[in-house]
């Protein structure tokens, strides 16, 4: 639920040992398919459905590996997932045209530069989407036209101070955050999402793979 998560980000940032509490936000928009790309788009005949996520201050909190280039430093830059980069034939330094939805209808094209290629997320909810990362200002602008409001966070990622105790911070957060909030290590969170996506115990899922 985005509302308690937004509040949890402020609470978590104040906990001793937490260096950053990154509230991961996403919004939908279109991406113009480059000329010559085969097939039909998923947003419109000539454009694909994309999810644009904001960036943390700590690059180590980007949940997918950066395969080439670097993270964006300005609102006219994005990273692109490697699966889409291969389909579109794009690399760092190339440009991409975003289609920002407007509250009054229609779309506004926005040309951005690709600064990096990021490993595509294994999240089943993003399997058929173009995956972009950019400045929070770009995310908020795209969201304002799409649904008229800033997107609430869908999860938080925490960076800890080097001297912090993982179990100590986890226990403090478990005791202080709102009921129903889960505080998990990345490995535990991945296992939980995989089980939720398949409806099968993790062991059986891995066995099927």
Protein backbone atom coordinates (compact mmCIF):
# COMPACT_ATOMS: atom_id res chain seq x y z
CA UNK A 1 0.00 0.00 0.00
CA UNK A 2 1.75 3.23 -1.13
CA UNK A 3 0.52 5.51 1.70
CA UNK A 4 2.05 3.58 4.62
CA UNK A 5 5.15 2.90 2.55
CA UNK A 6 5.66 6.63 1.99
CA UNK A 7 5.45 7.20 5.74
CA UNK A 8 7.73 4.22 6.36
CA UNK A 9 10.41 5.78 4.14
CA UNK A 10 10.66 8.78 6.48
CA UNK A 11 10.66 6.58 9.58
CA UNK A 12 13.26 4.20 8.17
CA UNK A 13 15.58 7.03 7.14
CA UNK A 14 15.69 8.18 10.78
CA UNK A 15 16.79 4.77 12.13
CA UNK A 16 20.40 4.53 13.28
CA UNK A 17 22.46 2.64 10.72
CA UNK A 18 20.28 3.51 7.70
CA UNK A 19 22.20 5.59 5.15
CA UNK A 20 19.35 5.91 2.64
CA UNK A 21 15.71 4.84 2.46
CA UNK A 22 14.93 4.79 -1.28
CA UNK A 23 11.22 4.88 -2.14
CA UNK A 24 10.92 3.11 -5.50
CA UNK A 25 8.30 4.84 -7.67
CA UNK A 26 7.10 3.93 -11.16
CA UNK A 27 4.74 5.38 -13.73
CA UNK A 28 3.54 4.30 -17.16
CA UNK A 29 4.25 6.01 -20.47
CA UNK A 30 4.86 5.17 -24.10
CA UNK A 31 8.17 4.74 -25.95
CA UNK A 32 8.37 5.33 -29.69
CA UNK A 33 9.68 2.25 -31.49
CA UNK A 34 12.72 3.10 -33.64
CA UNK A 35 12.24 2.94 -37.40
CA UNK A 36 12.80 -0.56 -38.68
CA UNK A 37 11.85 -2.34 -35.44
CA UNK A 38 9.82 -5.42 -36.30
CA UNK A 39 6.32 -6.04 -34.95
CA UNK A 40 3.59 -3.83 -33.54
CA UNK A 41 3.74 -1.81 -30.35
CA UNK A 42 2.05 -2.56 -27.04
CA UNK A 43 1.16 1.12 -26.30
CA UNK A 44 0.06 2.02 -29.83
CA UNK A 45 0.84 0.55 -33.25
CA UNK A 46 4.17 2.42 -33.29
CA UNK A 47 5.00 2.66 -29.58
CA UNK A 48 5.56 0.30 -26.65
CA UNK A 49 4.25 0.37 -23.07
CA UNK A 50 6.99 1.38 -20.65
CA UNK A 51 7.48 1.70 -16.91
CA UNK A 52 9.70 4.55 -15.77
CA UNK A 53 11.26 4.26 -12.29
CA UNK A 54 13.05 6.89 -10.23
CA UNK A 55 16.67 6.61 -9.14
CA UNK A 56 18.19 6.35 -5.65
CA UNK A 57 21.02 8.58 -4.46
CA UNK A 58 23.11 5.46 -3.81
CA UNK A 59 23.74 3.63 -7.14
CA UNK A 60 24.11 0.39 -5.16
CA UNK A 61 20.35 0.47 -4.56
CA UNK A 62 19.53 0.08 -8.25
CA UNK A 63 18.16 -3.47 -8.09
CA UNK A 64 19.44 -4.53 -11.52
CA UNK A 65 23.02 -4.70 -12.74
CA UNK A 66 24.31 -1.88 -14.95
CA UNK A 67 25.72 -3.69 -17.99
CA UNK A 68 27.03 -0.73 -19.99
CA UNK A 69 27.35 3.02 -19.54
CA UNK A 70 26.22 4.79 -16.38
CA UNK A 71 23.16 6.01 -14.50
CA UNK A 72 21.43 9.24 -15.58
CA UNK A 73 22.50 12.52 -14.01
CA UNK A 74 19.78 14.78 -15.44
CA UNK A 75 16.07 14.82 -16.37
CA UNK A 76 16.77 14.32 -20.08
CA UNK A 77 18.56 11.00 -19.55
CA UNK A 78 17.43 7.42 -18.90
CA UNK A 79 18.71 3.89 -18.65
CA UNK A 80 17.15 1.16 -20.80
CA UNK A 81 16.81 -2.55 -20.09
CA UNK A 82 19.06 -4.86 -22.09
CA UNK A 83 16.20 -6.86 -23.61
CA UNK A 84 14.65 -3.74 -25.17
CA UNK A 85 18.05 -2.34 -26.14
CA UNK A 86 18.73 -5.50 -28.15
CA UNK A 87 15.29 -5.37 -29.81
CA UNK A 88 15.64 -1.67 -30.69
CA UNK A 89 19.34 -1.87 -31.60
CA UNK A 90 20.28 0.92 -29.16
CA UNK A 91 23.33 1.58 -26.96
CA UNK A 92 24.53 4.25 -24.50
CA UNK A 93 24.67 7.62 -26.26
CA UNK A 94 21.68 6.91 -28.51
CA UNK A 95 18.40 8.79 -28.14
CA UNK A 96 14.91 7.52 -27.38
CA UNK A 97 11.56 9.30 -27.71
CA UNK A 98 9.26 9.06 -24.70
CA UNK A 99 5.53 9.73 -25.09
CA UNK A 100 4.31 11.49 -21.94
CA UNK A 101 0.53 11.14 -21.42
CA UNK A 102 -1.42 14.36 -20.92
CA UNK A 103 -4.36 14.81 -18.55
CA UNK A 104 -6.32 16.50 -21.35
CA UNK A 105 -5.63 13.60 -23.70
CA UNK A 106 -2.91 12.84 -26.19
CA UNK A 107 0.82 12.67 -25.58
CA UNK A 108 3.84 14.95 -25.61
CA UNK A 109 7.05 13.53 -27.17
CA UNK A 110 10.21 13.92 -25.11
CA UNK A 111 13.61 13.01 -26.53
CA UNK A 112 16.03 11.59 -23.98
CA UNK A 113 19.55 10.22 -24.13
CA UNK A 114 20.31 6.64 -23.07
CA UNK A 115 23.20 6.80 -20.60
CA UNK A 116 23.28 3.12 -19.64
CA UNK A 117 21.93 -0.36 -20.30
CA UNK A 118 20.56 -2.17 -17.26
CA UNK A 119 19.82 -5.87 -16.85
CA UNK A 120 16.10 -6.46 -17.37
CA UNK A 121 14.10 -7.11 -14.22
CA UNK A 122 12.95 -10.67 -13.55
CA UNK A 123 9.76 -9.29 -11.96
CA UNK A 124 6.88 -11.02 -13.83
CA UNK A 125 4.90 -7.76 -13.68
CA UNK A 126 7.49 -6.13 -15.96
CA UNK A 127 8.01 -9.03 -18.34
CA UNK A 128 6.32 -7.39 -21.35
CA UNK A 129 7.32 -3.77 -20.69
CA UNK A 130 10.14 -1.43 -21.64
CA UNK A 131 12.01 -0.76 -18.39
CA UNK A 132 13.39 2.75 -17.91
CA UNK A 133 15.08 4.56 -15.03
CA UNK A 134 15.39 8.31 -14.78
CA UNK A 135 15.39 11.35 -12.53
CA UNK A 136 12.52 11.74 -10.08
CA UNK A 137 11.49 14.97 -11.83
CA UNK A 138 10.90 13.04 -15.07
CA UNK A 139 8.91 10.35 -13.22
CA UNK A 140 6.71 12.96 -11.53
CA UNK A 141 6.12 14.81 -14.81
CA UNK A 142 5.07 11.62 -16.61
CA UNK A 143 2.84 10.56 -13.69
CA UNK A 144 1.08 13.95 -13.53
CA UNK A 145 -0.25 13.47 -17.04
CA UNK A 146 -1.03 9.79 -16.62
CA UNK A 147 -3.10 9.83 -13.43
CA UNK A 148 -2.81 13.37 -12.08
CA UNK A 149 -0.87 12.44 -8.97
CA UNK A 150 2.63 11.58 -7.85
CA UNK A 151 3.06 7.80 -7.76
CA UNK A 152 3.30 6.25 -4.33
CA UNK A 153 6.23 3.92 -3.66
CA UNK A 154 5.72 0.24 -4.41
CA UNK A 155 8.63 -0.81 -2.19
CA UNK A 156 11.54 0.62 -0.24
CA UNK A 157 15.22 -0.25 -0.51
CA UNK A 158 17.52 0.56 2.37
CA UNK A 159 21.26 1.20 2.23
CA UNK A 160 22.99 0.64 5.57
CA UNK A 161 26.07 2.32 6.99
CA UNK A 162 29.13 0.04 6.70
CA UNK A 163 29.26 -0.39 10.48
CA UNK A 164 25.54 -1.07 10.91
CA UNK A 165 24.20 -4.45 12.04
CA UNK A 166 21.78 -5.90 9.48
CA UNK A 167 19.86 -7.88 12.09
CA UNK A 168 19.87 -4.91 14.48
CA UNK A 169 18.43 -2.49 11.91
CA UNK A 170 15.92 -5.11 10.79
CA UNK A 171 14.72 -5.66 14.36
CA UNK A 172 14.37 -1.92 14.98
CA UNK A 173 12.35 -1.47 11.81
CA UNK A 174 10.14 -4.48 12.55
CA UNK A 175 9.27 -2.95 15.91
CA UNK A 176 8.74 0.62 14.75
CA UNK A 177 6.97 0.47 11.39
CA UNK A 178 3.26 0.14 10.79
CA UNK A 179 1.66 -3.32 11.13
CA UNK A 180 1.69 -5.24 7.87
CA UNK A 181 5.04 -3.85 6.77
CA UNK A 182 7.59 -6.56 5.94
CA UNK A 183 11.29 -5.84 6.45
CA UNK A 184 13.26 -8.37 4.41
CA UNK A 185 16.75 -8.93 3.12
CA UNK A 186 17.00 -8.80 -0.69
CA UNK A 187 17.28 -12.59 -0.91
CA UNK A 188 14.19 -13.13 1.25
CA UNK A 189 12.23 -10.54 -0.75
CA UNK A 190 13.16 -12.25 -4.03
CA UNK A 191 12.03 -15.62 -2.70
CA UNK A 192 8.74 -14.14 -1.49
CA UNK A 193 8.02 -12.47 -4.83
CA UNK A 194 8.81 -15.65 -6.73
CA UNK A 195 6.47 -17.70 -4.55
CA UNK A 196 3.75 -15.09 -4.92
CA UNK A 197 4.11 -15.02 -8.70
CA UNK A 198 3.90 -18.80 -9.11
CA UNK A 199 1.63 -19.83 -6.25
CA UNK A 200 4.00 -22.73 -5.60
CA UNK A 201 6.57 -23.33 -2.89
CA UNK A 202 9.99 -22.07 -3.84
CA UNK A 203 11.53 -25.54 -3.84
CA UNK A 204 8.96 -26.85 -6.30
CA UNK A 205 9.39 -23.82 -8.52
CA UNK A 206 13.14 -24.18 -8.69
CA UNK A 207 12.71 -27.89 -9.28
CA UNK A 208 10.51 -27.13 -12.29
CA UNK A 209 13.16 -24.78 -13.68
